């Protein structure tokens, strides 16, 4: 077996094991809290509520796409906003629904940017800068969520454990961000080039310049501020989505409580990045946060399931579009190859 085949096999093996563990955890929670009760809770939403929740996500999608669009410009990855809107849609579908780690969508859409005429180095740099901005703003929101959790729930043991775990994870991410600024991106560039050669990617050398393109993003303070603002808006819209879902569950909470649930629930999901779709981790996160706030734990589980349904409704069409794009690209390459062969 070649090195490339061994790497792919090891990746698939680890991903499937992580996915099975996540599914086992999710199945245990569903059994523990009663599938029938959860279905009854979801049934309160009704057709109008379901359509409203699904349509509301368009606002969050737009804000995230605009943040990506803004920060990618200094890297040299200029494309119209509509391109980033479509790519963000596909990126979420891949990360939420495919058996890949939750960063698979970033690599796939960076390659799609390349096929749209952007060099691979700037495409990955813009995507990486966007991902880091998203993480940074999430850290800010997580800290806010922890402050709100303590103010709402007091110094309970559960809230203390949540605070310690999430603050530790945030510290780790902050160190990673500092390392990227200090030159880790250059090492990452060399590693991706070597990996590309091992996997036989003919355009892997095109990633050269990733470090310089990423640094160009950080030398554009206006783009950084605008990109961060759009991502903060996207996270806040996620809190409004939680408030909306709980409203249709006929369980009213304040916007502050909804934002606390979303910020800490999403932080828990981020911790499960190695598990496809963070299955089980997301559900457990929302369940624990709701319990910490004194809400029924099953409410958090039902909330996560409602989000899963929205992810499927938005994600399946995005995967269809992605596959059609892949097929069209292959057809064009075959046709160009035939033309070039005929000319020779």
Protein backbone atom coordinates (compact mmCIF):
# COMPACT_ATOMS: atom_id res chain seq x y z
CA UNK A 1 0.00 0.00 0.00
CA UNK A 2 1.33 3.47 -0.93
CA UNK A 3 1.86 6.28 1.57
CA UNK A 4 -1.16 8.17 0.16
CA UNK A 5 -3.40 5.10 0.46
CA UNK A 6 -2.26 4.51 4.03
CA UNK A 7 -2.98 8.15 4.98
CA UNK A 8 -6.48 8.03 3.45
CA UNK A 9 -7.24 4.69 5.13
CA UNK A 10 -6.10 5.99 8.53
CA UNK A 11 -8.18 9.16 8.12
CA UNK A 12 -11.30 7.20 7.13
CA UNK A 13 -10.79 4.76 9.99
CA UNK A 14 -10.46 7.50 12.63
CA UNK A 15 -13.40 9.44 11.20
CA UNK A 16 -15.74 6.44 11.18
CA UNK A 17 -14.74 5.47 14.73
CA UNK A 18 -15.39 9.03 15.94
CA UNK A 19 -18.72 9.10 14.11
CA UNK A 20 -19.85 5.81 15.66
CA UNK A 21 -18.94 7.07 19.14
CA UNK A 22 -20.95 10.23 18.51
CA UNK A 23 -23.96 8.27 17.25
CA UNK A 24 -23.78 6.01 20.31
CA UNK A 25 -23.80 9.03 22.63
CA UNK A 26 -26.72 10.60 20.72
CA UNK A 27 -28.65 7.32 20.81
CA UNK A 28 -28.14 7.00 24.56
CA UNK A 29 -29.47 10.51 25.17
CA UNK A 30 -32.51 9.92 22.95
CA UNK A 31 -33.31 6.73 24.84
CA UNK A 32 -32.68 8.31 28.25
CA UNK A 33 -35.01 11.26 27.66
CA UNK A 34 -37.65 9.43 25.63
CA UNK A 35 -38.02 9.63 21.86
CA UNK A 36 -41.78 10.02 22.16
CA UNK A 37 -41.53 13.06 24.43
CA UNK A 38 -38.97 14.69 22.15
CA UNK A 39 -41.13 14.08 19.07
CA UNK A 40 -44.10 15.60 20.88
CA UNK A 41 -42.02 18.66 21.73
CA UNK A 42 -40.86 19.01 18.13
CA UNK A 43 -44.44 18.57 16.97
CA UNK A 44 -45.43 21.80 18.72
CA UNK A 45 -43.50 23.76 16.10
CA UNK A 46 -46.01 23.08 13.31
CA UNK A 47 -45.59 23.82 9.59
CA UNK A 48 -45.51 27.60 9.95
CA UNK A 49 -42.95 27.44 12.74
CA UNK A 50 -40.75 24.98 10.84
CA UNK A 51 -40.78 27.13 7.69
CA UNK A 52 -40.01 30.25 9.73
CA UNK A 53 -37.03 28.59 11.47
CA UNK A 54 -35.67 27.26 8.17
CA UNK A 55 -36.08 30.60 6.37
CA UNK A 56 -34.51 32.54 9.26
CA UNK A 57 -31.18 30.75 8.70
CA UNK A 58 -30.80 32.65 5.40
CA UNK A 59 -29.87 35.76 7.44
CA UNK A 60 -27.13 33.91 9.31
CA UNK A 61 -25.86 32.37 6.07
CA UNK A 62 -25.64 35.80 4.44
CA UNK A 63 -23.76 37.34 7.39
CA UNK A 64 -21.21 34.49 7.45
CA UNK A 65 -20.72 34.67 3.68
CA UNK A 66 -20.17 38.45 3.81
CA UNK A 67 -17.57 38.00 6.55
CA UNK A 68 -15.70 35.47 4.37
CA UNK A 69 -16.02 37.71 1.32
CA UNK A 70 -14.58 40.74 3.14
CA UNK A 71 -11.55 39.03 4.71
CA UNK A 72 -10.65 37.10 1.53
CA UNK A 73 -10.12 40.26 -0.54
CA UNK A 74 -6.67 41.20 0.91
CA UNK A 75 -5.50 37.61 0.28
CA UNK A 76 -6.12 38.03 -3.45
CA UNK A 77 -9.20 35.79 -3.53
CA UNK A 78 -11.58 38.33 -5.08
CA UNK A 79 -14.90 36.84 -6.13
CA UNK A 80 -18.44 38.30 -6.12
CA UNK A 81 -20.48 37.99 -2.93
CA UNK A 82 -22.87 35.57 -4.66
CA UNK A 83 -19.95 33.13 -5.12
CA UNK A 84 -19.10 33.24 -1.41
CA UNK A 85 -22.78 32.88 -0.53
CA UNK A 86 -23.01 29.67 -2.57
CA UNK A 87 -19.69 28.39 -1.23
CA UNK A 88 -20.69 29.10 2.38
CA UNK A 89 -23.91 27.17 1.75
CA UNK A 90 -21.92 24.20 0.41
CA UNK A 91 -19.33 24.51 3.19
CA UNK A 92 -22.01 24.21 5.88
CA UNK A 93 -23.65 21.28 4.09
CA UNK A 94 -20.36 19.37 3.87
CA UNK A 95 -19.40 20.05 7.51
CA UNK A 96 -22.85 19.22 8.88
CA UNK A 97 -23.86 16.20 6.80
CA UNK A 98 -20.85 14.37 5.38
CA UNK A 99 -18.73 11.85 7.34
CA UNK A 100 -15.79 14.25 7.54
CA UNK A 101 -14.20 16.25 10.33
CA UNK A 102 -15.88 19.65 10.62
CA UNK A 103 -13.17 21.42 8.62
CA UNK A 104 -13.68 19.32 5.49
CA UNK A 105 -15.98 21.95 4.00
CA UNK A 106 -13.24 24.58 4.21
CA UNK A 107 -10.82 22.53 2.09
CA UNK A 108 -13.49 21.59 -0.44
CA UNK A 109 -14.68 25.16 -0.97
CA UNK A 110 -11.09 26.45 -1.19
CA UNK A 111 -10.57 24.05 -4.10
CA UNK A 112 -13.85 25.29 -5.61
CA UNK A 113 -12.51 28.86 -5.40
CA UNK A 114 -9.45 27.66 -7.28
CA UNK A 115 -11.65 26.30 -10.06
CA UNK A 116 -13.27 29.73 -10.27
CA UNK A 117 -9.91 31.26 -11.16
CA UNK A 118 -8.39 32.00 -7.72
CA UNK A 119 -4.90 30.62 -7.04
CA UNK A 120 -4.96 27.84 -4.46
CA UNK A 121 -2.66 29.68 -2.01
CA UNK A 122 -4.84 32.82 -1.75
CA UNK A 123 -8.00 30.67 -1.77
CA UNK A 124 -6.84 28.68 1.25
CA UNK A 125 -5.45 31.80 2.94
CA UNK A 126 -8.77 33.66 2.65
CA UNK A 127 -10.68 30.60 3.86
CA UNK A 128 -8.28 30.06 6.77
CA UNK A 129 -8.42 33.75 7.74
CA UNK A 130 -12.22 33.55 7.70
CA UNK A 131 -12.20 30.40 9.84
CA UNK A 132 -9.87 32.05 12.35
CA UNK A 133 -12.07 35.16 12.50
CA UNK A 134 -15.05 32.91 13.10
CA UNK A 135 -13.20 31.17 15.95
CA UNK A 136 -12.07 34.47 17.49
CA UNK A 137 -15.57 35.90 17.53
CA UNK A 138 -16.88 32.62 18.89
CA UNK A 139 -14.40 32.86 21.78
CA UNK A 140 -15.73 36.35 22.57
CA UNK A 141 -19.28 35.04 22.50
CA UNK A 142 -18.33 32.02 24.62
CA UNK A 143 -16.84 34.27 27.31
CA UNK A 144 -20.03 36.36 27.25
CA UNK A 145 -22.08 33.19 27.50
CA UNK A 146 -20.10 32.02 30.53
CA UNK A 147 -20.62 35.38 32.26
CA UNK A 148 -24.35 35.20 31.55
CA UNK A 149 -24.50 31.56 32.71
CA UNK A 150 -22.96 32.44 36.07
CA UNK A 151 -25.26 35.45 36.45
CA UNK A 152 -28.35 33.36 35.67
CA UNK A 153 -27.45 30.09 37.38
CA UNK A 154 -25.17 31.24 40.18
CA UNK A 155 -22.07 29.30 41.21
CA UNK A 156 -23.49 25.81 40.78
CA UNK A 157 -21.17 22.84 40.29
CA UNK A 158 -22.41 22.28 36.73
CA UNK A 159 -21.86 25.88 35.68
CA UNK A 160 -18.36 25.78 37.23
CA UNK A 161 -17.46 22.62 35.29
CA UNK A 162 -18.79 24.13 32.06
CA UNK A 163 -16.83 27.32 32.67
CA UNK A 164 -13.55 25.48 33.35
CA UNK A 165 -13.91 23.23 30.31
CA UNK A 166 -14.86 25.96 27.86
CA UNK A 167 -12.29 28.46 29.15
CA UNK A 168 -9.59 25.80 28.82
CA UNK A 169 -10.63 25.11 25.25
CA UNK A 170 -10.72 28.83 24.48
CA UNK A 171 -7.19 29.23 25.87
CA UNK A 172 -5.96 26.42 23.63
CA UNK A 173 -7.52 28.05 20.56
CA UNK A 174 -6.05 31.44 21.52
CA UNK A 175 -2.56 29.88 21.69
CA UNK A 176 -3.15 28.31 18.27
CA UNK A 177 -4.11 31.70 16.81
CA UNK A 178 -0.97 33.32 18.23
CA UNK A 179 1.13 30.50 16.75
CA UNK A 180 -0.45 31.06 13.33
CA UNK A 181 0.45 34.72 13.49
CA UNK A 182 3.99 33.82 14.60
CA UNK A 183 4.72 31.64 11.55
CA UNK A 184 2.80 28.40 11.95
CA UNK A 185 1.06 29.20 8.66
CA UNK A 186 4.41 28.93 6.86
CA UNK A 187 4.95 25.48 8.37
CA UNK A 188 1.38 24.57 7.41
CA UNK A 189 2.08 25.66 3.84
CA UNK A 190 5.10 23.34 3.59
CA UNK A 191 3.14 20.46 5.13
CA UNK A 192 0.22 20.86 2.70
CA UNK A 193 2.60 20.99 -0.28
CA UNK A 194 4.27 17.73 0.87
CA UNK A 195 0.89 16.13 1.51
CA UNK A 196 -0.35 17.24 -1.90
CA UNK A 197 2.64 15.63 -3.60
CA UNK A 198 2.09 12.43 -1.62
CA UNK A 199 -1.54 12.32 -2.70
CA UNK A 200 -0.65 13.11 -6.28
CA UNK A 201 -2.35 16.51 -6.53
CA UNK A 202 -0.87 18.05 -9.69
CA UNK A 203 -1.55 21.61 -8.47
CA UNK A 204 -0.18 21.26 -4.93
CA UNK A 205 2.71 23.60 -5.68
CA UNK A 206 0.17 26.33 -6.38
CA UNK A 207 -0.32 26.62 -2.62
CA UNK A 208 3.01 28.44 -2.38
CA UNK A 209 2.35 31.94 -1.09
CA UNK A 210 -0.19 30.84 1.51
CA UNK A 211 1.76 32.45 4.35
CA UNK A 212 2.16 35.79 2.55
CA UNK A 213 -1.51 35.84 1.54
CA UNK A 214 -2.59 35.08 5.12
CA UNK A 215 -0.37 37.84 6.48
CA UNK A 216 -1.90 40.24 3.93
CA UNK A 217 -5.28 39.57 5.57
CA UNK A 218 -3.89 40.54 8.98
CA UNK A 219 -2.37 43.72 7.53
CA UNK A 220 -5.83 44.94 6.49
CA UNK A 221 -7.42 46.23 9.75
CA UNK A 222 -10.56 47.54 8.02
CA UNK A 223 -11.26 44.14 6.47
CA UNK A 224 -10.52 42.42 9.77
CA UNK A 225 -12.94 44.69 11.63
CA UNK A 226 -15.68 44.29 9.01
CA UNK A 227 -15.22 40.53 8.79
CA UNK A 228 -15.32 40.17 12.58
CA UNK A 229 -18.46 42.34 12.75
CA UNK A 230 -20.26 40.17 10.20
CA UNK A 231 -19.31 37.01 12.10
CA UNK A 232 -20.43 38.50 15.41
CA UNK A 233 -23.74 39.34 13.77
CA UNK A 234 -23.99 35.76 12.55
CA UNK A 235 -23.44 34.39 16.07
CA UNK A 236 -26.04 36.80 17.50
CA UNK A 237 -28.51 35.68 14.82
CA UNK A 238 -27.85 32.13 16.03
CA UNK A 239 -29.03 33.24 19.48
CA UNK A 240 -32.16 34.70 17.91
CA UNK A 241 -32.72 31.36 16.16
CA UNK A 242 -32.63 29.61 19.55
CA UNK A 243 -35.15 32.12 20.94
CA UNK A 244 -37.36 31.48 17.90
CA UNK A 245 -37.21 27.69 18.24
CA UNK A 246 -38.00 27.81 21.97
CA UNK A 247 -40.86 30.22 21.22
CA UNK A 248 -42.40 27.65 18.88
CA UNK A 249 -41.76 24.99 21.54
CA UNK A 250 -44.10 27.19 23.67
CA UNK A 251 -41.26 27.76 26.13
CA UNK A 252 -40.53 31.47 26.38
CA UNK A 253 -37.08 32.68 27.46
CA UNK A 254 -35.34 36.04 27.33
CA UNK A 255 -32.95 36.90 24.51
CA UNK A 256 -30.10 36.82 27.05
CA UNK A 257 -30.90 33.23 27.99
CA UNK A 258 -31.22 32.26 24.31
CA UNK A 259 -27.82 33.81 23.56
CA UNK A 260 -26.29 31.95 26.52
CA UNK A 261 -27.67 28.63 25.25
CA UNK A 262 -26.43 29.25 21.70
CA UNK A 263 -22.96 30.53 22.62
CA UNK A 264 -22.15 27.65 24.96
CA UNK A 265 -23.93 25.04 22.83
CA UNK A 266 -21.90 26.08 19.78
CA UNK A 267 -18.71 26.08 21.87
CA UNK A 268 -19.43 22.47 22.85
CA UNK A 269 -20.03 21.64 19.18
CA UNK A 270 -16.67 23.19 18.26
CA UNK A 271 -14.95 20.94 20.82
CA UNK A 272 -16.27 17.94 18.88
CA UNK A 273 -14.74 19.13 15.59
CA UNK A 274 -13.14 15.71 14.93
CA UNK A 275 -16.57 13.99 15.01
CA UNK A 276 -18.60 14.25 11.79
CA UNK A 277 -21.27 16.90 12.37
CA UNK A 278 -20.33 16.83 16.09
CA UNK A 279 -23.07 14.20 16.44
CA UNK A 280 -23.77 13.55 20.12
CA UNK A 281 -21.45 16.36 21.25
CA UNK A 282 -23.79 19.10 20.04
CA UNK A 283 -26.77 17.38 21.64
CA UNK A 284 -24.92 16.90 24.93
CA UNK A 285 -23.77 20.53 24.90
CA UNK A 286 -27.23 22.01 24.54
CA UNK A 287 -28.60 19.54 27.10
CA UNK A 288 -25.98 20.48 29.72
CA UNK A 289 -26.34 24.23 29.15
CA UNK A 290 -30.12 24.05 29.53
CA UNK A 291 -29.71 22.00 32.70
CA UNK A 292 -27.20 24.54 34.02
CA UNK A 293 -29.75 27.31 33.44
CA UNK A 294 -32.42 25.40 35.32
CA UNK A 295 -34.36 24.53 32.16
CA UNK A 296 -35.59 20.99 31.37
CA UNK A 297 -32.61 19.06 29.89
CA UNK A 298 -34.85 17.50 27.24
CA UNK A 299 -35.54 21.03 25.98
CA UNK A 300 -31.86 21.34 25.03
CA UNK A 301 -31.95 17.96 23.30
CA UNK A 302 -35.07 18.90 21.34
CA UNK A 303 -33.48 22.24 20.44
CA UNK A 304 -30.45 20.45 19.00
CA UNK A 305 -32.70 18.11 17.00
CA UNK A 306 -34.60 21.09 15.58
CA UNK A 307 -31.28 22.55 14.46
CA UNK A 308 -30.37 19.18 12.91
CA UNK A 309 -33.57 19.21 10.88
CA UNK A 310 -32.78 22.72 9.64
CA UNK A 311 -29.25 21.59 8.74
CA UNK A 312 -30.62 18.70 6.67
CA UNK A 313 -33.14 20.91 4.83
CA UNK A 314 -30.44 23.42 3.93
CA UNK A 315 -27.60 20.92 3.54
CA UNK A 316 -29.00 18.28 1.18
CA UNK A 317 -29.65 20.73 -1.71
CA UNK A 318 -26.18 22.26 -1.18
CA UNK A 319 -24.56 18.84 -1.57
CA UNK A 320 -26.54 18.27 -4.77
CA UNK A 321 -25.29 21.60 -6.15
CA UNK A 322 -21.73 20.72 -5.14
CA UNK A 323 -21.89 17.34 -6.89
CA UNK A 324 -23.32 18.92 -10.05
CA UNK A 325 -20.49 21.46 -9.99
CA UNK A 326 -17.96 18.64 -9.63
CA UNK A 327 -19.50 16.75 -12.56
CA UNK A 328 -19.58 19.87 -14.74
CA UNK A 329 -15.92 20.61 -13.95
CA UNK A 330 -14.86 17.07 -14.88
CA UNK A 331 -16.83 17.27 -18.14
CA UNK A 332 -15.13 20.55 -19.08
CA UNK A 333 -11.70 19.10 -18.30
CA UNK A 334 -12.38 16.04 -20.47
CA UNK A 335 -13.61 18.26 -23.30
CA UNK A 336 -10.53 20.52 -23.07
CA UNK A 337 -8.29 17.47 -23.01
CA UNK A 338 -9.95 16.13 -26.16
CA UNK A 339 -9.53 19.50 -27.94
CA UNK A 340 -5.88 19.74 -26.96
CA UNK A 341 -5.32 16.15 -28.06
CA UNK A 342 -6.94 16.88 -31.41
CA UNK A 343 -4.78 19.96 -31.94
CA UNK A 344 -1.69 17.88 -31.41
